[in-house]
C-alpha atoms as a PDB file:
ATOM      1  CA  MET A   1     -13.309 -12.240  29.470  1.00  0.00           C
ATOM      2  CA  ASN A   2      -9.863 -10.804  28.897  1.00  0.00           C
ATOM      3  CA  ARG A   3      -8.704  -8.244  26.360  1.00  0.00           C
ATOM      4  CA  ARG A   4      -7.481 -10.794  23.799  1.00  0.00           C
ATOM      5  CA  ASN A   5     -10.890 -12.459  23.545  1.00  0.00           C
ATOM      6  CA  ARG A   6     -12.584  -9.112  22.773  1.00  0.00           C
ATOM      7  CA  THR A   7     -10.163  -8.073  20.037  1.00  0.00           C
ATOM      8  CA  PRO A   8     -11.651 -10.066  17.112  1.00  0.00           C
ATOM      9  CA  SER A   9     -15.155  -8.969  18.145  1.00  0.00           C
ATOM     10  CA  VAL A  10     -14.258  -5.279  18.162  1.00  0.00           C
ATOM     11  CA  SER A  11     -12.300  -5.355  14.904  1.00  0.00           C
ATOM     12  CA  GLY A  12     -15.083  -7.412  13.303  1.00  0.00           C
ATOM     13  CA  GLY A  13     -17.674  -4.948  14.553  1.00  0.00           C
ATOM     14  CA  VAL A  14     -15.721  -1.985  13.179  1.00  0.00           C
ATOM     15  CA  PHE A  15     -15.392  -3.803   9.866  1.00  0.00           C
ATOM     16  CA  LEU A  16     -19.136  -4.517   9.671  1.00  0.00           C
ATOM     17  CA  ILE A  17     -20.049  -0.919  10.525  1.00  0.00           C
ATOM     18  CA  GLY A  18     -17.653   0.304   7.846  1.00  0.00           C
ATOM     19  CA  LEU A  19     -19.051  -2.187   5.364  1.00  0.00           C
ATOM     20  CA  GLY A  20     -22.561  -0.927   6.102  1.00  0.00           C
ATOM     21  CA  ILE A  21     -21.437   2.645   5.460  1.00  0.00           C
ATOM     22  CA  LEU A  22     -19.879   1.564   2.159  1.00  0.00           C
ATOM     23  CA  VAL A  23     -23.109  -0.131   1.089  1.00  0.00           C
ATOM     24  CA  TYR A  24     -25.038   3.030   1.943  1.00  0.00           C
ATOM     25  CA  THR A  25     -22.653   5.449   0.211  1.00  0.00           C
ATOM     26  CA  GLY A  26     -21.552   3.212  -2.668  1.00  0.00           C
ATOM     27  CA  TRP A  27     -17.934   4.376  -2.245  1.00  0.00           C
ATOM     28  CA  TRP A  28     -16.367   0.907  -2.599  1.00  0.00           C
ATOM     29  CA  TRP A  29     -13.017   1.896  -4.010  1.00  0.00           C
ATOM     30  CA  PRO A  30     -10.921   2.966  -2.169  1.00  0.00           C
ATOM     31  CA  GLY A  31     -13.380   3.067   0.745  1.00  0.00           C
ATOM     32  CA  ILE A  32     -12.870  -0.631   1.469  1.00  0.00           C
ATOM     33  CA  LEU A  33      -9.217   0.097   2.194  1.00  0.00           C
ATOM     34  CA  LEU A  34     -10.164   2.669   4.810  1.00  0.00           C
ATOM     35  CA  VAL A  35     -12.495   0.138   6.435  1.00  0.00           C
ATOM     36  CA  ILE A  36      -9.733  -2.479   6.539  1.00  0.00           C
ATOM     37  CA  GLY A  37      -7.349   0.083   8.025  1.00  0.00           C
ATOM     38  CA  LEU A  38      -9.856   1.094  10.698  1.00  0.00           C
ATOM     39  CA  ALA A  39     -10.566  -2.509  11.675  1.00  0.00           C
ATOM     40  CA  GLY A  40      -6.865  -3.356  11.876  1.00  0.00           C
ATOM     41  CA  SER A  41      -6.159  -0.212  13.873  1.00  0.00           C
ATOM     42  CA  ALA A  42      -8.965  -0.984  16.330  1.00  0.00           C
ATOM     43  CA  GLU A  43      -7.440  -4.396  16.976  1.00  0.00           C
ATOM     44  CA  LEU A  44      -3.992  -2.913  17.548  1.00  0.00           C
ATOM     45  CA  ILE A  45      -5.354  -0.219  19.890  1.00  0.00           C
ATOM     46  CA  LEU A  46      -6.990  -2.879  22.075  1.00  0.00           C
ATOM     47  CA  ARG A  47      -3.663  -4.682  22.259  1.00  0.00           C
ATOM     48  CA  GLY A  48      -2.008  -1.462  23.420  1.00  0.00           C
ATOM     49  CA  LYS A  49       0.056  -0.970  20.259  1.00  0.00           C
ATOM     50  CA  TYR A  50      -0.799   2.670  19.607  1.00  0.00           C
ATOM     51  CA  LEU A  51       2.064   3.511  17.250  1.00  0.00           C
ATOM     52  CA  ALA A  52       1.374   0.445  15.120  1.00  0.00           C
ATOM     53  CA  ALA A  53      -2.320   1.388  15.024  1.00  0.00           C
ATOM     54  CA  LEU A  54      -1.492   4.916  13.886  1.00  0.00           C
ATOM     55  CA  THR A  55       0.923   3.609  11.256  1.00  0.00           C
ATOM     56  CA  THR A  56      -1.607   1.090   9.961  1.00  0.00           C
ATOM     57  CA  PHE A  57      -4.378   3.632   9.693  1.00  0.00           C
ATOM     58  CA  GLY A  58      -2.034   6.197   8.145  1.00  0.00           C
ATOM     59  CA  PHE A  59      -0.993   3.702   5.483  1.00  0.00           C
ATOM     60  CA  PHE A  60      -4.559   2.756   4.585  1.00  0.00           C
ATOM     61  CA  ALA A  61      -5.737   6.394   4.721  1.00  0.00           C
ATOM     62  CA  ALA A  62      -2.962   7.464   2.336  1.00  0.00           C
ATOM     63  CA  ILE A  63      -4.107   5.028  -0.354  1.00  0.00           C
ATOM     64  CA  PRO A  64      -7.136   7.141  -1.449  1.00  0.00           C
ATOM     65  CA  LEU A  65      -4.817  10.131  -1.810  1.00  0.00           C
ATOM     66  CA  PHE A  66      -2.480   8.165  -4.068  1.00  0.00           C
ATOM     67  CA  VAL A  67      -5.384   6.753  -6.072  1.00  0.00           C
ATOM     68  CA  SER A  68      -6.679  10.239  -6.817  1.00  0.00           C
ATOM     69  CA  ALA A  69      -3.202  11.402  -7.931  1.00  0.00           C
ATOM     70  CA  ASP A  70      -2.358  11.298 -11.623  1.00  0.00           C
ATOM     71  CA  ILE A  71       0.049   8.339 -11.430  1.00  0.00           C
ATOM     72  CA  PRO A  72       0.225   5.495 -13.988  1.00  0.00           C
ATOM     73  CA  TRP A  73      -0.887   2.804 -11.509  1.00  0.00           C
ATOM     74  CA  HIS A  74      -1.122   0.081 -14.124  1.00  0.00           C
ATOM     75  CA  ILE A  75       2.691   0.279 -14.346  1.00  0.00           C
ATOM     76  CA  ILE A  76       3.771   1.200 -10.810  1.00  0.00           C
ATOM     77  CA  GLY A  77       1.072  -0.662  -8.848  1.00  0.00           C
ATOM     78  CA  PRO A  78       2.230  -4.225  -9.569  1.00  0.00           C
ATOM     79  CA  PHE A  79       5.794  -3.419  -8.513  1.00  0.00           C
ATOM     80  CA  ILE A  80       4.598  -1.890  -5.256  1.00  0.00           C
ATOM     81  CA  LEU A  81       2.469  -4.969  -4.492  1.00  0.00           C
ATOM     82  CA  ILE A  82       5.337  -7.336  -5.351  1.00  0.00           C
ATOM     83  CA  ALA A  83       7.717  -5.386  -3.089  1.00  0.00           C
ATOM     84  CA  MET A  84       5.214  -5.419  -0.217  1.00  0.00           C
ATOM     85  CA  GLY A  85       4.659  -9.160  -0.594  1.00  0.00           C
ATOM     86  CA  ALA A  86       8.382  -9.900  -0.724  1.00  0.00           C
ATOM     87  CA  SER A  87       8.935  -7.716   2.340  1.00  0.00           C
ATOM     88  CA  ALA A  88       6.254  -9.619   4.276  1.00  0.00           C
ATOM     89  CA  ILE A  89       7.805 -12.952   3.320  1.00  0.00           C
ATOM     90  CA  PHE A  90      11.321 -11.892   4.308  1.00  0.00           C
ATOM     91  CA  ARG A  91      10.105 -10.507   7.642  1.00  0.00           C
ATOM     92  CA  SER A  92       8.286 -13.742   8.472  1.00  0.00           C
ATOM     93  CA  ILE A  93      11.295 -15.860   7.521  1.00  0.00           C
ATOM     94  CA  GLY A  94      13.579 -13.792   9.752  1.00  0.00           C
ATOM     95  CA  GLN A  95      11.372 -14.081  12.856  1.00  0.00           C
ATOM     96  CA  PRO A  96      12.025 -16.962  15.253  1.00  0.00           C
ATOM     97  CA  THR A  97       9.199 -19.440  15.700  1.00  0.00           C
ATOM     98  CA  GLU A  98       7.939 -20.858  19.000  1.00  0.00           C
ATOM     99  CA  GLU A  99       9.900 -24.038  18.321  1.00  0.00           C
ATOM    100  CA  ASP A 100      13.117 -21.991  18.062  1.00  0.00           C
ATOM    101  CA  ASN A 101      12.438 -20.384  21.458  1.00  0.00           C
ATOM    102  CA  SER A 102      11.691 -23.627  23.307  1.00  0.00           C
ATOM    103  CA  PRO A 103      14.427 -25.080  25.536  1.00  0.00           C
ATOM    104  CA  ALA A 104      16.411 -27.964  24.090  1.00  0.00           C
ATOM    105  CA  GLU A 105      15.639 -31.366  25.553  1.00  0.00           C
END
């Protein structure tokens, strides 16, 4: 079994352990975001992408800090989510697909 076949199992296991801790503690918000960040980081670490794993976990770990700050999230939050969604769409549009990389026949 190679490293790529283990990745979903490890990230799924980390997610389930985190979910169990959330059920036990009752800290659902923003605890679920930390669990998602940990699971995503575990997957990236197994793929050897250490900087991306650190960035992912740092992003998800910063969310509880922002939530506890006295910021009017009902105003700023939607704009942040819209900007993140638009950024993801533009990044995926700009990336070449497998069909673009195949040799012409």
